[in-house]
Amino acid sequence: MSSFLLRRSVAASAGAARAFSTSSPRSVARITIVGNLADTPEASASQSSDKEYIRYTVASNSGSKENRQTSWFRVTSFVDGPRKDFLLSLPKGTLVYVEGDASISSYTDSSNSVRHGLNIVQRSIEVLKRPSLPEQGE
């Protein structure tokens, strides 16, 4: 067997060994969103516990100018301390990069129709661009 084939078979078997894990599988879908804050983030208190969370909406555009479509993503964040203060200080229109865990839930609305919602729990957020302030005239 040539040394190239031997190295290749060793590398393949090492990669296969890494593909398996002893930890339990988790059903988590990751999502990455780049878009603008639709409004300033708001803090709310949980009804079941005293834990506070922050909710905000990110608008992301896709398509050409003639066929532009906007997707709206509701995001929940459980940050605290300085990160909470930073997130609450972001103004509407801030361009953000958000990474989070996504899950789909079902609920029945007031007209007895079953609806589905996409829930996103923020893992990280990065500010890409803050909105420009209106110029003050003299």
Protein backbone atom coordinates (compact mmCIF):
# COMPACT_ATOMS: atom_id res chain seq x y z
CA MET A 1 0.00 0.00 0.00
CA SER A 2 1.39 3.39 -0.93
CA SER A 3 2.01 5.97 1.77
CA PHE A 4 -0.61 8.28 0.19
CA LEU A 5 -3.35 5.66 0.43
CA LEU A 6 -2.29 4.77 3.97
CA ARG A 7 -2.47 8.43 5.06
CA ARG A 8 -5.84 8.80 3.34
CA SER A 9 -7.35 5.74 5.05
CA VAL A 10 -6.03 6.86 8.44
CA ALA A 11 -7.48 10.36 7.93
CA ALA A 12 -10.81 8.91 6.82
CA SER A 13 -11.07 6.64 9.85
CA ALA A 14 -10.14 9.52 12.20
CA GLY A 15 -12.87 11.71 10.67
CA ALA A 16 -15.42 8.91 10.99
CA ALA A 17 -14.59 8.47 14.66
CA ARG A 18 -15.28 12.18 15.28
CA ALA A 19 -18.68 11.97 13.59
CA PHE A 20 -20.11 10.03 16.55
CA SER A 21 -20.77 11.53 19.94
CA THR A 22 -21.46 10.07 23.35
CA SER A 23 -23.67 13.00 24.35
CA SER A 24 -27.41 12.81 23.81
CA PRO A 25 -28.69 14.30 20.55
CA ARG A 26 -30.44 17.66 20.78
CA SER A 27 -33.04 18.96 18.40
CA VAL A 28 -31.71 22.47 17.94
CA ALA A 29 -31.82 24.44 14.74
CA ARG A 30 -29.48 27.41 14.47
CA ILE A 31 -30.40 30.55 12.60
CA THR A 32 -28.38 33.57 11.54
CA ILE A 33 -30.16 36.83 10.77
CA VAL A 34 -28.77 40.06 9.36
CA GLY A 35 -31.29 42.88 9.46
CA ASN A 36 -32.51 46.06 11.08
CA LEU A 37 -34.18 46.41 14.47
CA ALA A 38 -37.86 47.13 13.84
CA ASP A 39 -38.13 48.97 17.17
CA THR A 40 -36.10 49.46 20.35
CA PRO A 41 -35.77 46.24 22.40
CA GLU A 42 -38.10 45.96 25.41
CA ALA A 43 -37.58 44.21 28.75
CA SER A 44 -40.35 42.01 30.17
CA ALA A 45 -40.75 39.85 33.26
CA SER A 46 -41.64 36.18 33.07
CA GLN A 47 -45.01 35.26 34.56
CA SER A 48 -43.81 31.93 35.96
CA SER A 49 -40.60 33.24 37.54
CA ASP A 50 -38.88 36.49 38.41
CA LYS A 51 -36.51 36.18 35.46
CA GLU A 52 -36.43 39.08 33.00
CA TYR A 53 -36.04 38.71 29.26
CA ILE A 54 -35.70 41.09 26.33
CA ARG A 55 -37.78 40.89 23.17
CA TYR A 56 -37.11 42.59 19.87
CA THR A 57 -37.92 42.20 16.19
CA VAL A 58 -35.45 42.10 13.30
CA ALA A 59 -36.54 42.92 9.73
CA SER A 60 -34.54 41.32 6.93
CA ASN A 61 -35.02 42.22 3.26
CA SER A 62 -34.45 39.96 0.28
CA GLY A 63 -34.93 40.24 -3.46
CA SER A 64 -34.40 42.99 -5.98
CA LYS A 65 -35.91 46.46 -5.57
CA GLU A 66 -38.88 45.49 -7.75
CA ASN A 67 -39.58 42.25 -5.83
CA ARG A 68 -38.34 43.20 -2.35
CA GLN A 69 -39.78 41.10 0.46
CA THR A 70 -39.33 41.68 4.17
CA SER A 71 -39.19 38.84 6.69
CA TRP A 72 -39.87 39.65 10.34
CA PHE A 73 -38.15 37.69 13.10
CA ARG A 74 -39.16 37.92 16.78
CA VAL A 75 -36.15 37.30 19.03
CA THR A 76 -35.95 36.69 22.77
CA SER A 77 -32.79 37.30 24.79
CA PHE A 78 -31.99 36.27 28.37
CA VAL A 79 -28.89 38.45 28.86
CA ASP A 80 -28.29 40.41 32.05
CA GLY A 81 -25.90 42.96 33.46
CA PRO A 82 -23.98 45.21 31.02
CA ARG A 83 -25.08 43.13 28.01
CA LYS A 84 -28.71 43.77 28.93
CA ASP A 85 -28.09 47.52 29.21
CA PHE A 86 -26.27 47.49 25.86
CA LEU A 87 -29.12 45.65 24.12
CA LEU A 88 -31.78 47.94 25.59
CA SER A 89 -29.82 51.00 24.39
CA LEU A 90 -29.91 50.00 20.70
CA PRO A 91 -32.16 52.33 18.68
CA LYS A 92 -34.66 51.40 15.99
CA GLY A 93 -32.98 50.88 12.61
CA THR A 94 -29.71 49.47 13.97
CA LEU A 95 -28.23 46.89 11.56
CA VAL A 96 -27.53 43.75 13.60
CA TYR A 97 -26.12 40.25 13.11
CA VAL A 98 -28.01 37.79 15.34
CA GLU A 99 -27.25 34.12 15.95
CA GLY A 100 -29.80 32.05 17.82
CA ASP A 101 -31.61 28.78 18.39
CA ALA A 102 -34.83 28.38 16.42
CA SER A 103 -37.87 26.28 17.21
CA ILE A 104 -41.41 26.10 15.84
CA SER A 105 -44.44 26.13 18.11
CA SER A 106 -48.12 25.63 17.38
CA TYR A 107 -50.96 27.57 18.92
CA THR A 108 -54.68 28.19 18.35
CA ASP A 109 -55.67 31.77 17.62
CA SER A 110 -58.92 33.51 18.59
CA SER A 111 -60.74 32.19 15.49
CA ASN A 112 -59.84 28.56 16.39
CA SER A 113 -57.27 28.28 13.59
CA VAL A 114 -54.06 26.39 14.29
CA ARG A 115 -51.08 28.63 13.64
CA HIS A 116 -47.33 28.05 13.79
CA GLY A 117 -44.71 30.46 15.04
CA LEU A 118 -40.93 30.58 14.77
CA ASN A 119 -39.30 31.19 18.15
CA ILE A 120 -35.72 32.46 18.22
CA VAL A 121 -33.61 32.58 21.38
CA GLN A 122 -30.56 34.81 20.94
CA ARG A 123 -27.12 33.27 21.44
CA SER A 124 -25.17 36.34 20.29
CA ILE A 125 -25.72 39.73 18.72
CA GLU A 126 -23.31 42.03 16.96
CA VAL A 127 -24.00 45.61 15.89
CA LEU A 128 -22.96 46.14 12.27
CA LYS A 129 -24.15 49.74 11.82
CA ARG A 130 -26.01 52.24 13.94
CA PRO A 131 -28.55 54.54 12.27
CA SER A 132 -27.31 58.00 11.46
CA LEU A 133 -28.65 60.75 13.67
CA PRO A 134 -30.67 63.51 12.01
CA GLU A 135 -28.53 66.57 11.45
CA GLN A 136 -29.32 69.46 13.75
CA GLY A 137 -29.99 72.70 11.92
CA GLU A 138 -29.02 76.09 13.21
